[in-house]
Amino acid sequence: MEEGPDAYRILRLRAEILELGSAIRQLQRAGLDDAAAQLLIGRKRAQLDHLVKMNSAGSEPDTPGIRRS
């Protein structure tokens, strides 16, 4: 994987998703409500998918207020 801010963000999101998955399993084993964690993991997965697609397409993310030349 190439180095750079996007590569770092991809790795960070993957790590967060793994941690959330572990937390969800722990909540389920304890019989507690895991709805908030499920929602958060869904959002993180969507962010990861979006970032990976943009990275593989070679496009730059939209950053308001920054002009591209």
C-alpha atoms as a PDB file:
ATOM      1  CA  MET A   1       0.000   0.000   0.000  1.00  0.00           C
ATOM      2  CA  GLU A   2       1.325   3.432  -0.860  1.00  0.00           C
ATOM      3  CA  GLU A   3       2.248   5.813   1.889  1.00  0.00           C
ATOM      4  CA  GLY A   4       0.464   9.074   2.494  1.00  0.00           C
ATOM      5  CA  PRO A   5      -2.455  10.577   4.345  1.00  0.00           C
ATOM      6  CA  ASP A   6      -5.043   8.379   2.623  1.00  0.00           C
ATOM      7  CA  ALA A   7      -3.077   5.196   3.305  1.00  0.00           C
ATOM      8  CA  TYR A   8      -2.803   6.180   6.961  1.00  0.00           C
ATOM      9  CA  ARG A   9      -6.536   6.954   7.166  1.00  0.00           C
ATOM     10  CA  ILE A  10      -7.350   3.582   5.570  1.00  0.00           C
ATOM     11  CA  LEU A  11      -5.184   1.735   8.091  1.00  0.00           C
ATOM     12  CA  ARG A  12      -6.650   3.745  10.977  1.00  0.00           C
ATOM     13  CA  LEU A  13     -10.231   3.031   9.874  1.00  0.00           C
ATOM     14  CA  ARG A  14      -9.493  -0.693   9.534  1.00  0.00           C
ATOM     15  CA  ALA A  15      -8.070  -0.734  13.063  1.00  0.00           C
ATOM     16  CA  GLU A  16     -11.107   1.137  14.424  1.00  0.00           C
ATOM     17  CA  ILE A  17     -13.444  -1.322  12.703  1.00  0.00           C
ATOM     18  CA  LEU A  18     -11.601  -4.268  14.261  1.00  0.00           C
ATOM     19  CA  GLU A  19     -11.842  -2.674  17.704  1.00  0.00           C
ATOM     20  CA  LEU A  20     -15.552  -1.979  17.252  1.00  0.00           C
ATOM     21  CA  GLY A  21     -16.138  -5.561  16.130  1.00  0.00           C
ATOM     22  CA  SER A  22     -14.476  -6.788  19.305  1.00  0.00           C
ATOM     23  CA  ALA A  23     -16.538  -4.388  21.427  1.00  0.00           C
ATOM     24  CA  ILE A  24     -19.748  -5.543  19.749  1.00  0.00           C
ATOM     25  CA  ARG A  25     -18.933  -9.199  20.472  1.00  0.00           C
ATOM     26  CA  GLN A  26     -18.229  -8.348  24.110  1.00  0.00           C
ATOM     27  CA  LEU A  27     -21.520  -6.453  24.421  1.00  0.00           C
ATOM     28  CA  GLN A  28     -23.421  -9.333  22.843  1.00  0.00           C
ATOM     29  CA  ARG A  29     -21.805 -11.886  25.176  1.00  0.00           C
ATOM     30  CA  ALA A  30     -22.780  -9.718  28.141  1.00  0.00           C
ATOM     31  CA  GLY A  31     -26.342  -9.434  26.844  1.00  0.00           C
ATOM     32  CA  LEU A  32     -26.095  -5.665  26.499  1.00  0.00           C
ATOM     33  CA  ASP A  33     -27.442  -3.389  23.780  1.00  0.00           C
ATOM     34  CA  ASP A  34     -24.978  -3.044  20.918  1.00  0.00           C
ATOM     35  CA  ALA A  35     -27.088  -0.823  18.635  1.00  0.00           C
ATOM     36  CA  ALA A  36     -24.886   2.257  18.989  1.00  0.00           C
ATOM     37  CA  ALA A  37     -21.733   0.258  18.280  1.00  0.00           C
ATOM     38  CA  GLN A  38     -23.425  -1.401  15.270  1.00  0.00           C
ATOM     39  CA  LEU A  39     -24.350   2.011  13.892  1.00  0.00           C
ATOM     40  CA  LEU A  40     -20.838   3.339  14.406  1.00  0.00           C
ATOM     41  CA  ILE A  41     -19.216   0.323  12.751  1.00  0.00           C
ATOM     42  CA  GLY A  42     -21.553   0.756   9.777  1.00  0.00           C
ATOM     43  CA  ARG A  43     -20.483   4.377   9.420  1.00  0.00           C
ATOM     44  CA  LYS A  44     -16.800   3.473   9.692  1.00  0.00           C
ATOM     45  CA  ARG A  45     -17.205   0.774   7.020  1.00  0.00           C
ATOM     46  CA  ALA A  46     -18.902   3.280   4.713  1.00  0.00           C
ATOM     47  CA  GLN A  47     -16.061   5.769   5.280  1.00  0.00           C
ATOM     48  CA  LEU A  48     -13.517   3.054   4.540  1.00  0.00           C
ATOM     49  CA  ASP A  49     -15.316   1.955   1.363  1.00  0.00           C
ATOM     50  CA  HIS A  50     -15.522   5.541   0.151  1.00  0.00           C
ATOM     51  CA  LEU A  51     -11.863   6.230   0.880  1.00  0.00           C
ATOM     52  CA  VAL A  52     -10.680   3.009  -0.774  1.00  0.00           C
ATOM     53  CA  LYS A  53     -12.783   3.690  -3.894  1.00  0.00           C
ATOM     54  CA  MET A  54     -11.492   7.241  -4.169  1.00  0.00           C
ATOM     55  CA  ASN A  55      -7.924   6.085  -3.614  1.00  0.00           C
ATOM     56  CA  SER A  56      -8.162   3.328  -6.224  1.00  0.00           C
ATOM     57  CA  ALA A  57      -9.772   5.693  -8.738  1.00  0.00           C
ATOM     58  CA  GLY A  58      -6.910   8.129  -8.263  1.00  0.00           C
ATOM     59  CA  SER A  59      -9.208  11.026  -7.495  1.00  0.00           C
ATOM     60  CA  GLU A  60      -8.682  13.463  -4.684  1.00  0.00           C
ATOM     61  CA  PRO A  61     -11.259  13.938  -1.929  1.00  0.00           C
ATOM     62  CA  ASP A  62     -13.343  17.078  -2.004  1.00  0.00           C
ATOM     63  CA  THR A  63     -11.887  19.610   0.390  1.00  0.00           C
ATOM     64  CA  PRO A  64     -13.952  22.790   0.697  1.00  0.00           C
ATOM     65  CA  GLY A  65     -11.996  25.994   0.351  1.00  0.00           C
ATOM     66  CA  ILE A  66      -9.021  24.446  -1.414  1.00  0.00           C
ATOM     67  CA  ARG A  67      -8.524  25.125  -5.091  1.00  0.00           C
ATOM     68  CA  ARG A  68      -6.983  22.540  -7.328  1.00  0.00           C
ATOM     69  CA  SER A  69      -4.926  23.672 -10.320  1.00  0.00           C
END
